[in-house]
Structures are given as structure tokens and as C-alpha cells.
Amino acid sequence: MIMFPGTKINLGLRITEKRDDGFHNLQTVFYPLSYSDILEVVPGDAFRFGSSGITVPGKQEDNLVVKAFRLMQEKYAVPDVKIHLHKVVPTGTGLGGGSADAAATIKLLNRVFSMGLSEKRMEEDAATLGSDCAFFVRSRPVYAEGRGEILRDISLTLDDYRILVVIPEISISTAGAYAQCKPQLPEEPVSEVVRQPLSEWKNLLRNDFEALPLIPDEIRTIKNHLYDSGAEYAAMSGSGSAVFGIFREKVKTNLPDAYRTIWV
């Protein structure tokens, strides 16, 4: 069985509080994109994991797909499977590709073995693997709080717009970004800001990470280029390095060829 896990962008990202467990509380809106890895899960006589496409860094057991399988095996005694991940979404971009793969693993195992797990139960399991993993169980626009696992449906659609995702050849450390941030409650919650007309977002909707010394000037240059090209709103997604622009229609941006660009 095959699934396309998807990705996400963050519409606003405010870091509100340092938690006792070392994580941070935040406010953001997760918005799903169709840009995606490809994941296949089939029954097997022994567990096997393979990947193709972009090289997945680190040890196999550290891959979120493998962690998701181990969680499901330990908690629900699922049988061994063969898993193949074709990696399309680069790591370190703030698009949540790895988190989406983890959630897709849980969903595929649920289907392959007819486990009957509810979406709520799968969200709870996914949340133990990473802060934004739970979002990808349903992959629909949500307002997120806590570490990113407390989700509330929000009435928001960008169907009348085109989104351009720009991925430079740099990777930003999420841990490093959080280490530099100074938590502060925003004057207006992100959930209220996104209710304003999209034309107002440029002046109201912030990603706190963009101002950190850790973030290369290249990110700000790309963002400004998107605005110069006619974007209604542009921002870095998550802790980066991907930058996205929301346009009324597809345009020619003349970005350097070194950047990967995806229209969705």
C-alpha cells in the first residue's frame, strides 16, 4: 500500500514559553501542501526498511519511519513489514517531511492490518514521535499550540492562490534555532491574525525565527525577492530553511537556478 505523506507550511510562528521539559510552547497555523515523499508499506516475513531519492542522513533506527514502526510494533504488536521510502523533500527545510512520513507509517499500518484505530488515537501516537507529527494524521488547516501537538480546526483555505516553495541549499538546526529564541506572548494570537485579509498578513503575521542571528541573510533575500515578484505574503516555514510565497497566480520569479522551487 502506497501513500503520499505531504508537507506543511507555517502561517505565523510565535514562541510563547519555555517549558519545564525543555521544549517550547508555540502558536502557529499548519497549512498542508501536496509536495511529498512517497511511502510504501507491505507485509513481510521480516522487518526491512529501504530508501531511495534524496539520501536520508543518520542511522536507520533514527529515521522517523522506523521509529513509527517500532512504536506500533511495541504498542499494538503489528507484524513485520517491508517499508520503502522515496525521499523527495529535503531535511532541515521546516516543511515537516520526516514528520509526515512518520504519521503516514502509522496510518498505513492501521490500514494494512485493519487495526481500526481512530484518528484521535493515531494523533496521540504520532505526537510521541515529534511535535508536528500529529498534524499529518489528518493534514488539514489547524491552529496549533503546545509543542505543536494541540490542534484546533480553523476555517482557512488558500485554494484561490498559488504557493511557491523555495528551498535553498542550506539547512538550519531546529535545536539551534530554539536555543536562540526569546519566548514572548504576542499581542494578538496567530489564530486571530490569520482571520485578517491575506493582504494584511505581511504586516501582522510573524515567524519569530526569522529575526534570529542563526538565520542566514540568504533567507531574508529570498523572502524579499518573493515580495518583489508579487507575493501577497512570504515567510520562512518553521525554523527553515524553506521560504514560501503566496501569489494570486503563477509568476516568473527569476530566482537563481541553485534553488529548488515548487509551485503547489
C-alpha atoms as a PDB file:
ATOM      1  CA  MET A   1       0.000   0.000   0.000  1.00  0.00           C
ATOM      2  CA  ILE A   2       1.349   3.403  -1.020  1.00  0.00           C
ATOM      3  CA  MET A   3       0.781   6.840   0.490  1.00  0.00           C
ATOM      4  CA  PHE A   4       1.930  10.371  -0.326  1.00  0.00           C
ATOM      5  CA  PRO A   5       2.531  11.861   3.160  1.00  0.00           C
ATOM      6  CA  GLY A   6       2.555  15.554   2.149  1.00  0.00           C
ATOM      7  CA  THR A   7       4.242  18.539   3.775  1.00  0.00           C
ATOM      8  CA  LYS A   8       3.197  21.755   5.507  1.00  0.00           C
ATOM      9  CA  ILE A   9       3.984  25.420   5.814  1.00  0.00           C
ATOM     10  CA  ASN A  10       3.684  27.514   8.957  1.00  0.00           C
ATOM     11  CA  LEU A  11       1.456  30.560   8.716  1.00  0.00           C
ATOM     12  CA  GLY A  12       2.938  32.555  11.545  1.00  0.00           C
ATOM     13  CA  LEU A  13       5.078  31.026  14.284  1.00  0.00           C
ATOM     14  CA  ARG A  14       5.296  32.626  17.704  1.00  0.00           C
ATOM     15  CA  ILE A  15       7.364  31.081  20.501  1.00  0.00           C
ATOM     16  CA  THR A  16       5.448  31.833  23.677  1.00  0.00           C
ATOM     17  CA  GLU A  17       7.056  29.950  26.559  1.00  0.00           C
ATOM     18  CA  LYS A  18       9.966  27.719  27.591  1.00  0.00           C
ATOM     19  CA  ARG A  19       8.590  24.522  29.129  1.00  0.00           C
ATOM     20  CA  ASP A  20       9.907  22.588  32.106  1.00  0.00           C
ATOM     21  CA  ASP A  21      10.567  19.593  29.833  1.00  0.00           C
ATOM     22  CA  GLY A  22      12.976  21.622  27.706  1.00  0.00           C
ATOM     23  CA  PHE A  23      10.582  22.116  24.808  1.00  0.00           C
ATOM     24  CA  HIS A  24       8.807  25.357  23.898  1.00  0.00           C
ATOM     25  CA  ASN A  25       5.156  26.279  23.625  1.00  0.00           C
ATOM     26  CA  LEU A  26       4.171  27.961  20.407  1.00  0.00           C
ATOM     27  CA  GLN A  27       1.361  29.359  18.322  1.00  0.00           C
ATOM     28  CA  THR A  28       1.150  28.627  14.612  1.00  0.00           C
ATOM     29  CA  VAL A  29      -1.159  27.606  11.814  1.00  0.00           C
ATOM     30  CA  PHE A  30      -0.163  24.447   9.953  1.00  0.00           C
ATOM     31  CA  TYR A  31      -1.302  24.514   6.338  1.00  0.00           C
ATOM     32  CA  PRO A  32      -0.926  21.302   4.280  1.00  0.00           C
ATOM     33  CA  LEU A  33       0.825  21.082   0.906  1.00  0.00           C
ATOM     34  CA  SER A  34       0.786  18.316  -1.702  1.00  0.00           C
ATOM     35  CA  TYR A  35       4.602  18.399  -2.157  1.00  0.00           C
ATOM     36  CA  SER A  36       5.506  14.965  -0.831  1.00  0.00           C
ATOM     37  CA  ASP A  37       7.710  11.954  -0.280  1.00  0.00           C
ATOM     38  CA  ILE A  38       6.347   8.535  -1.302  1.00  0.00           C
ATOM     39  CA  LEU A  39       5.937   5.760   1.258  1.00  0.00           C
ATOM     40  CA  GLU A  40       5.103   2.095   0.669  1.00  0.00           C
ATOM     41  CA  VAL A  41       4.284  -0.490   3.350  1.00  0.00           C
ATOM     42  CA  VAL A  42       3.622  -4.165   2.584  1.00  0.00           C
ATOM     43  CA  PRO A  43       3.508  -7.248   4.833  1.00  0.00           C
ATOM     44  CA  GLY A  44       6.819  -9.110   5.146  1.00  0.00           C
ATOM     45  CA  ASP A  45       8.397 -12.099   6.862  1.00  0.00           C
ATOM     46  CA  ALA A  46      10.970  -9.801   8.492  1.00  0.00           C
ATOM     47  CA  PHE A  47      11.238  -6.057   9.004  1.00  0.00           C
ATOM     48  CA  ARG A  48      13.041  -4.288   6.175  1.00  0.00           C
ATOM     49  CA  PHE A  49      13.442  -0.588   5.533  1.00  0.00           C
ATOM     50  CA  GLY A  50      14.870   0.875   2.354  1.00  0.00           C
ATOM     51  CA  SER A  51      15.017   4.321   0.827  1.00  0.00           C
ATOM     52  CA  SER A  52      15.712   5.987  -2.476  1.00  0.00           C
ATOM     53  CA  GLY A  53      15.799   9.538  -3.787  1.00  0.00           C
ATOM     54  CA  ILE A  54      17.437  12.107  -1.522  1.00  0.00           C
ATOM     55  CA  THR A  55      19.835  10.486   0.930  1.00  0.00           C
ATOM     56  CA  VAL A  56      18.341  10.175   4.397  1.00  0.00           C
ATOM     57  CA  PRO A  57      21.009  11.230   6.937  1.00  0.00           C
ATOM     58  CA  GLY A  58      21.704   9.360  10.166  1.00  0.00           C
ATOM     59  CA  LYS A  59      21.251   5.784  11.318  1.00  0.00           C
ATOM     60  CA  GLN A  60      18.319   3.709  10.094  1.00  0.00           C
ATOM     61  CA  GLU A  61      16.907   3.291  13.605  1.00  0.00           C
ATOM     62  CA  ASP A  62      16.828   7.092  13.993  1.00  0.00           C
ATOM     63  CA  ASN A  63      14.616   7.541  10.941  1.00  0.00           C
ATOM     64  CA  LEU A  64      11.123   8.632  11.970  1.00  0.00           C
ATOM     65  CA  VAL A  65       9.577   5.980   9.732  1.00  0.00           C
ATOM     66  CA  VAL A  66      11.435   3.241  11.573  1.00  0.00           C
ATOM     67  CA  LYS A  67      10.623   4.845  14.937  1.00  0.00           C
ATOM     68  CA  ALA A  68       6.945   4.919  13.978  1.00  0.00           C
ATOM     69  CA  PHE A  69       7.018   1.235  13.065  1.00  0.00           C
ATOM     70  CA  ARG A  70       8.810   0.304  16.304  1.00  0.00           C
ATOM     71  CA  LEU A  71       6.223   2.261  18.293  1.00  0.00           C
ATOM     72  CA  MET A  72       3.343   0.469  16.576  1.00  0.00           C
ATOM     73  CA  GLN A  73       5.017  -2.910  16.965  1.00  0.00           C
ATOM     74  CA  GLU A  74       5.624  -2.372  20.678  1.00  0.00           C
ATOM     75  CA  LYS A  75       2.209  -0.882  21.417  1.00  0.00           C
ATOM     76  CA  TYR A  76      -0.036  -2.953  19.129  1.00  0.00           C
ATOM     77  CA  ALA A  77       2.132  -5.958  18.227  1.00  0.00           C
ATOM     78  CA  VAL A  78       1.887  -5.281  14.489  1.00  0.00           C
ATOM     79  CA  PRO A  79       3.652  -7.922  12.352  1.00  0.00           C
ATOM     80  CA  ASP A  80       6.839  -7.251  10.423  1.00  0.00           C
ATOM     81  CA  VAL A  81       6.600  -5.284   7.193  1.00  0.00           C
ATOM     82  CA  LYS A  82       8.694  -4.090   4.312  1.00  0.00           C
ATOM     83  CA  ILE A  83       8.847  -0.304   4.097  1.00  0.00           C
ATOM     84  CA  HIS A  84      10.251   1.722   1.240  1.00  0.00           C
ATOM     85  CA  LEU A  85      10.616   5.499   1.436  1.00  0.00           C
ATOM     86  CA  HIS A  86      11.287   7.500  -1.706  1.00  0.00           C
ATOM     87  CA  LYS A  87      12.626  10.770  -0.321  1.00  0.00           C
ATOM     88  CA  VAL A  88      11.720  13.903  -2.263  1.00  0.00           C
ATOM     89  CA  VAL A  89      11.523  16.558   0.471  1.00  0.00           C
ATOM     90  CA  PRO A  90      14.937  17.662   1.784  1.00  0.00           C
ATOM     91  CA  THR A  91      15.546  17.572   5.534  1.00  0.00           C
ATOM     92  CA  GLY A  92      16.124  20.750   7.534  1.00  0.00           C
ATOM     93  CA  THR A  93      13.655  22.794   5.496  1.00  0.00           C
ATOM     94  CA  GLY A  94      10.838  23.342   8.008  1.00  0.00           C
ATOM     95  CA  LEU A  95       8.336  21.578   5.742  1.00  0.00           C
ATOM     96  CA  GLY A  96       7.786  18.606   8.059  1.00  0.00           C
ATOM     97  CA  GLY A  97       8.683  15.883   5.560  1.00  0.00           C
ATOM     98  CA  GLY A  98      10.022  13.484   8.179  1.00  0.00           C
ATOM     99  CA  SER A  99       7.076  14.090  10.493  1.00  0.00           C
ATOM    100  CA  ALA A 100       4.686  13.446   7.627  1.00  0.00           C
ATOM    101  CA  ASP A 101       6.470  10.166   6.857  1.00  0.00           C
ATOM    102  CA  ALA A 102       6.091   9.067  10.495  1.00  0.00           C
ATOM    103  CA  ALA A 103       2.365   9.828  10.542  1.00  0.00           C
ATOM    104  CA  ALA A 104       1.921   8.076   7.187  1.00  0.00           C
ATOM    105  CA  THR A 105       3.629   4.975   8.574  1.00  0.00           C
ATOM    106  CA  ILE A 106       1.097   4.835  11.406  1.00  0.00           C
ATOM    107  CA  LYS A 107      -1.808   5.362   9.002  1.00  0.00           C
ATOM    108  CA  LEU A 108      -0.558   2.732   6.563  1.00  0.00           C
ATOM    109  CA  LEU A 109      -0.043   0.134   9.280  1.00  0.00           C
ATOM    110  CA  ASN A 110      -3.556   0.878  10.517  1.00  0.00           C
ATOM    111  CA  ARG A 111      -4.916   0.202   7.015  1.00  0.00           C
ATOM    112  CA  VAL A 112      -2.722  -2.748   6.041  1.00  0.00           C
ATOM    113  CA  PHE A 113      -3.657  -4.652   9.194  1.00  0.00           C
ATOM    114  CA  SER A 114      -7.234  -3.312   9.541  1.00  0.00           C
ATOM    115  CA  MET A 115      -6.480  -2.159  13.084  1.00  0.00           C
ATOM    116  CA  GLY A 116      -9.419   0.212  13.339  1.00  0.00           C
ATOM    117  CA  LEU A 117      -7.506   2.958  15.143  1.00  0.00           C
ATOM    118  CA  SER A 118      -9.336   6.276  15.305  1.00  0.00           C
ATOM    119  CA  GLU A 119      -7.749   9.468  14.000  1.00  0.00           C
ATOM    120  CA  LYS A 120      -7.555  10.727  17.580  1.00  0.00           C
ATOM    121  CA  ARG A 121      -5.666   7.625  18.707  1.00  0.00           C
ATOM    122  CA  MET A 122      -3.268   7.900  15.764  1.00  0.00           C
ATOM    123  CA  GLU A 123      -2.707  11.581  16.541  1.00  0.00           C
ATOM    124  CA  GLU A 124      -1.847  10.678  20.134  1.00  0.00           C
ATOM    125  CA  ASP A 125       0.626   8.037  18.958  1.00  0.00           C
ATOM    126  CA  ALA A 126       2.156  10.339  16.334  1.00  0.00           C
ATOM    127  CA  ALA A 127       2.606  13.141  18.884  1.00  0.00           C
ATOM    128  CA  THR A 128       5.027  10.952  20.860  1.00  0.00           C
ATOM    129  CA  LEU A 129       7.355  10.883  17.846  1.00  0.00           C
ATOM    130  CA  GLY A 130       7.644  14.610  17.178  1.00  0.00           C
ATOM    131  CA  SER A 131       5.991  17.937  17.823  1.00  0.00           C
ATOM    132  CA  ASP A 132       4.255  18.302  14.451  1.00  0.00           C
ATOM    133  CA  CYS A 133       3.706  14.624  13.633  1.00  0.00           C
ATOM    134  CA  ALA A 134       0.114  14.629  14.903  1.00  0.00           C
ATOM    135  CA  PHE A 135      -0.881  17.260  12.342  1.00  0.00           C
ATOM    136  CA  PHE A 136      -0.157  14.911   9.444  1.00  0.00           C
ATOM    137  CA  VAL A 137      -2.686  12.307  10.533  1.00  0.00           C
ATOM    138  CA  ARG A 138      -5.469  14.468   9.106  1.00  0.00           C
ATOM    139  CA  SER A 139      -3.444  17.070   7.169  1.00  0.00           C
ATOM    140  CA  ARG A 140      -5.945  19.888   7.168  1.00  0.00           C
ATOM    141  CA  PRO A 141      -5.513  23.524   8.251  1.00  0.00           C
ATOM    142  CA  VAL A 142      -5.245  23.771  12.023  1.00  0.00           C
ATOM    143  CA  TYR A 143      -4.260  26.216  14.711  1.00  0.00           C
ATOM    144  CA  ALA A 144      -1.543  24.554  16.798  1.00  0.00           C
ATOM    145  CA  GLU A 145      -0.423  25.244  20.349  1.00  0.00           C
ATOM    146  CA  GLY A 146       1.655  23.430  22.962  1.00  0.00           C
ATOM    147  CA  ARG A 147       4.677  21.848  21.255  1.00  0.00           C
ATOM    148  CA  GLY A 148       2.604  21.760  18.075  1.00  0.00           C
ATOM    149  CA  GLU A 149       0.545  18.736  19.112  1.00  0.00           C
ATOM    150  CA  ILE A 150      -2.517  20.598  20.443  1.00  0.00           C
ATOM    151  CA  LEU A 151      -4.580  21.073  17.308  1.00  0.00           C
ATOM    152  CA  ARG A 152      -7.752  23.017  16.654  1.00  0.00           C
ATOM    153  CA  ASP A 153      -9.537  23.109  13.304  1.00  0.00           C
ATOM    154  CA  ILE A 154      -9.546  26.505  11.655  1.00  0.00           C
ATOM    155  CA  SER A 155     -11.615  27.828   8.777  1.00  0.00           C
ATOM    156  CA  LEU A 156      -8.942  28.777   6.258  1.00  0.00           C
ATOM    157  CA  THR A 157      -8.362  27.979   2.608  1.00  0.00           C
ATOM    158  CA  LEU A 158      -5.795  29.177   0.088  1.00  0.00           C
ATOM    159  CA  ASP A 159      -7.402  27.332  -2.822  1.00  0.00           C
ATOM    160  CA  ASP A 160      -7.691  30.562  -4.819  1.00  0.00           C
ATOM    161  CA  TYR A 161      -3.951  31.205  -4.542  1.00  0.00           C
ATOM    162  CA  ARG A 162      -0.738  29.589  -5.762  1.00  0.00           C
ATOM    163  CA  ILE A 163       2.035  28.833  -3.296  1.00  0.00           C
ATOM    164  CA  LEU A 164       5.680  28.855  -4.360  1.00  0.00           C
ATOM    165  CA  VAL A 165       8.098  27.000  -2.079  1.00  0.00           C
ATOM    166  CA  VAL A 166      11.776  27.919  -2.428  1.00  0.00           C
ATOM    167  CA  ILE A 167      14.389  25.585  -0.956  1.00  0.00           C
ATOM    168  CA  PRO A 168      17.964  26.936  -0.832  1.00  0.00           C
ATOM    169  CA  GLU A 169      20.924  24.615  -0.435  1.00  0.00           C
ATOM    170  CA  ILE A 170      21.234  25.274   3.274  1.00  0.00           C
ATOM    171  CA  SER A 171      19.948  23.506   6.369  1.00  0.00           C
ATOM    172  CA  ILE A 172      19.068  25.186   9.660  1.00  0.00           C
ATOM    173  CA  SER A 173      19.328  23.429  13.017  1.00  0.00           C
ATOM    174  CA  THR A 174      15.933  23.343  14.711  1.00  0.00           C
ATOM    175  CA  ALA A 175      17.568  22.839  18.116  1.00  0.00           C
ATOM    176  CA  GLY A 176      19.903  25.758  17.458  1.00  0.00           C
ATOM    177  CA  ALA A 177      17.024  27.986  16.423  1.00  0.00           C
ATOM    178  CA  TYR A 178      15.024  27.224  19.553  1.00  0.00           C
ATOM    179  CA  ALA A 179      18.113  27.792  21.700  1.00  0.00           C
ATOM    180  CA  GLN A 180      18.389  31.358  20.381  1.00  0.00           C
ATOM    181  CA  CYS A 181      14.729  32.349  20.662  1.00  0.00           C
ATOM    182  CA  LYS A 182      13.323  34.532  23.445  1.00  0.00           C
ATOM    183  CA  PRO A 183       9.761  33.414  24.206  1.00  0.00           C
ATOM    184  CA  GLN A 184       7.106  36.108  24.412  1.00  0.00           C
ATOM    185  CA  LEU A 185       3.330  36.120  24.168  1.00  0.00           C
ATOM    186  CA  PRO A 186       2.189  38.022  21.063  1.00  0.00           C
ATOM    187  CA  GLU A 187      -0.212  40.923  21.439  1.00  0.00           C
ATOM    188  CA  GLU A 188      -2.642  39.103  19.141  1.00  0.00           C
ATOM    189  CA  PRO A 189      -2.789  35.301  18.838  1.00  0.00           C
ATOM    190  CA  VAL A 190      -1.847  33.807  15.479  1.00  0.00           C
ATOM    191  CA  SER A 191      -5.357  32.320  15.288  1.00  0.00           C
ATOM    192  CA  GLU A 192      -6.765  35.859  15.196  1.00  0.00           C
ATOM    193  CA  VAL A 193      -4.156  37.301  12.824  1.00  0.00           C
ATOM    194  CA  VAL A 194      -4.950  34.767  10.086  1.00  0.00           C
ATOM    195  CA  ARG A 195      -8.582  35.888  10.184  1.00  0.00           C
ATOM    196  CA  GLN A 196      -7.454  39.212   8.732  1.00  0.00           C
ATOM    197  CA  PRO A 197      -7.405  39.682   4.935  1.00  0.00           C
ATOM    198  CA  LEU A 198      -4.371  37.994   3.400  1.00  0.00           C
ATOM    199  CA  SER A 199      -3.229  41.379   2.126  1.00  0.00           C
ATOM    200  CA  GLU A 200      -2.702  42.404   5.782  1.00  0.00           C
ATOM    201  CA  TRP A 201      -0.580  39.400   6.743  1.00  0.00           C
ATOM    202  CA  LYS A 202       2.658  41.000   5.576  1.00  0.00           C
ATOM    203  CA  ASN A 203       2.466  43.498   8.431  1.00  0.00           C
ATOM    204  CA  LEU A 204       0.880  41.273  11.067  1.00  0.00           C
ATOM    205  CA  LEU A 205       1.871  37.612  10.671  1.00  0.00           C
ATOM    206  CA  ARG A 206       5.349  36.865  12.018  1.00  0.00           C
ATOM    207  CA  ASN A 207       7.692  33.914  12.252  1.00  0.00           C
ATOM    208  CA  ASP A 208       9.836  34.592  15.325  1.00  0.00           C
ATOM    209  CA  PHE A 209      12.708  32.512  13.953  1.00  0.00           C
ATOM    210  CA  GLU A 210      13.301  34.862  11.014  1.00  0.00           C
ATOM    211  CA  ALA A 211      14.908  37.502  13.257  1.00  0.00           C
ATOM    212  CA  LEU A 212      17.427  35.149  14.892  1.00  0.00           C
ATOM    213  CA  PRO A 213      21.190  35.591  14.253  1.00  0.00           C
ATOM    214  CA  LEU A 214      21.310  31.905  13.273  1.00  0.00           C
ATOM    215  CA  ILE A 215      19.161  32.541  10.189  1.00  0.00           C
ATOM    216  CA  PRO A 216      21.316  33.349   7.121  1.00  0.00           C
ATOM    217  CA  ASP A 217      20.741  36.619   5.258  1.00  0.00           C
ATOM    218  CA  GLU A 218      20.008  34.448   2.222  1.00  0.00           C
ATOM    219  CA  ILE A 219      16.613  33.593   3.749  1.00  0.00           C
ATOM    220  CA  ARG A 220      15.669  37.271   4.006  1.00  0.00           C
ATOM    221  CA  THR A 221      16.906  37.875   0.460  1.00  0.00           C
ATOM    222  CA  ILE A 222      14.642  35.119  -0.893  1.00  0.00           C
ATOM    223  CA  LYS A 223      11.690  36.471   1.073  1.00  0.00           C
ATOM    224  CA  ASN A 224      12.217  39.979  -0.294  1.00  0.00           C
ATOM    225  CA  HIS A 225      12.564  38.572  -3.814  1.00  0.00           C
ATOM    226  CA  LEU A 226       9.187  36.860  -3.484  1.00  0.00           C
ATOM    227  CA  TYR A 227       7.579  40.113  -2.395  1.00  0.00           C
ATOM    228  CA  ASP A 228       9.230  41.918  -5.301  1.00  0.00           C
ATOM    229  CA  SER A 229       7.776  39.231  -7.594  1.00  0.00           C
ATOM    230  CA  GLY A 230       4.244  39.986  -6.393  1.00  0.00           C
ATOM    231  CA  ALA A 231       3.684  37.691  -3.413  1.00  0.00           C
ATOM    232  CA  GLU A 232       0.766  38.654  -1.184  1.00  0.00           C
ATOM    233  CA  TYR A 233       2.615  37.095   1.752  1.00  0.00           C
ATOM    234  CA  ALA A 234       6.030  35.468   2.159  1.00  0.00           C
ATOM    235  CA  ALA A 235       7.733  33.825   5.114  1.00  0.00           C
ATOM    236  CA  MET A 236      10.117  31.136   6.244  1.00  0.00           C
ATOM    237  CA  SER A 237       8.397  27.872   7.154  1.00  0.00           C
ATOM    238  CA  GLY A 238       9.029  26.621  10.673  1.00  0.00           C
ATOM    239  CA  SER A 239      12.675  27.011  11.611  1.00  0.00           C
ATOM    240  CA  GLY A 240      13.617  26.963   7.904  1.00  0.00           C
ATOM    241  CA  SER A 241      15.270  26.825   5.514  1.00  0.00           C
ATOM    242  CA  ALA A 242      12.351  26.732   3.036  1.00  0.00           C
ATOM    243  CA  VAL A 243      10.718  30.055   2.192  1.00  0.00           C
ATOM    244  CA  PHE A 244       7.274  30.293   0.631  1.00  0.00           C
ATOM    245  CA  GLY A 245       5.290  32.966  -1.143  1.00  0.00           C
ATOM    246  CA  ILE A 246       1.530  33.119  -1.618  1.00  0.00           C
ATOM    247  CA  PHE A 247       0.561  34.529  -5.021  1.00  0.00           C
ATOM    248  CA  ARG A 248      -2.714  35.238  -6.771  1.00  0.00           C
ATOM    249  CA  GLU A 249      -1.337  33.462  -9.851  1.00  0.00           C
ATOM    250  CA  LYS A 250       1.784  31.685 -11.008  1.00  0.00           C
ATOM    251  CA  VAL A 251       4.520  34.169 -11.932  1.00  0.00           C
ATOM    252  CA  LYS A 252       8.101  34.114 -13.205  1.00  0.00           C
ATOM    253  CA  THR A 253      10.424  34.962 -10.321  1.00  0.00           C
ATOM    254  CA  ASN A 254      13.923  34.742 -11.881  1.00  0.00           C
ATOM    255  CA  LEU A 255      15.275  33.053  -8.768  1.00  0.00           C
ATOM    256  CA  PRO A 256      18.761  31.521  -9.071  1.00  0.00           C
ATOM    257  CA  ASP A 257      18.845  28.041 -10.602  1.00  0.00           C
ATOM    258  CA  ALA A 258      20.576  26.748  -7.467  1.00  0.00           C
ATOM    259  CA  TYR A 259      17.272  26.988  -5.594  1.00  0.00           C
ATOM    260  CA  ARG A 260      14.719  24.209  -5.765  1.00  0.00           C
ATOM    261  CA  THR A 261      11.332  25.778  -6.488  1.00  0.00           C
ATOM    262  CA  ILE A 262       7.967  24.033  -6.251  1.00  0.00           C
ATOM    263  CA  TRP A 263       4.587  25.501  -7.164  1.00  0.00           C
ATOM    264  CA  VAL A 264       1.651  23.983  -5.284  1.00  0.00           C
END
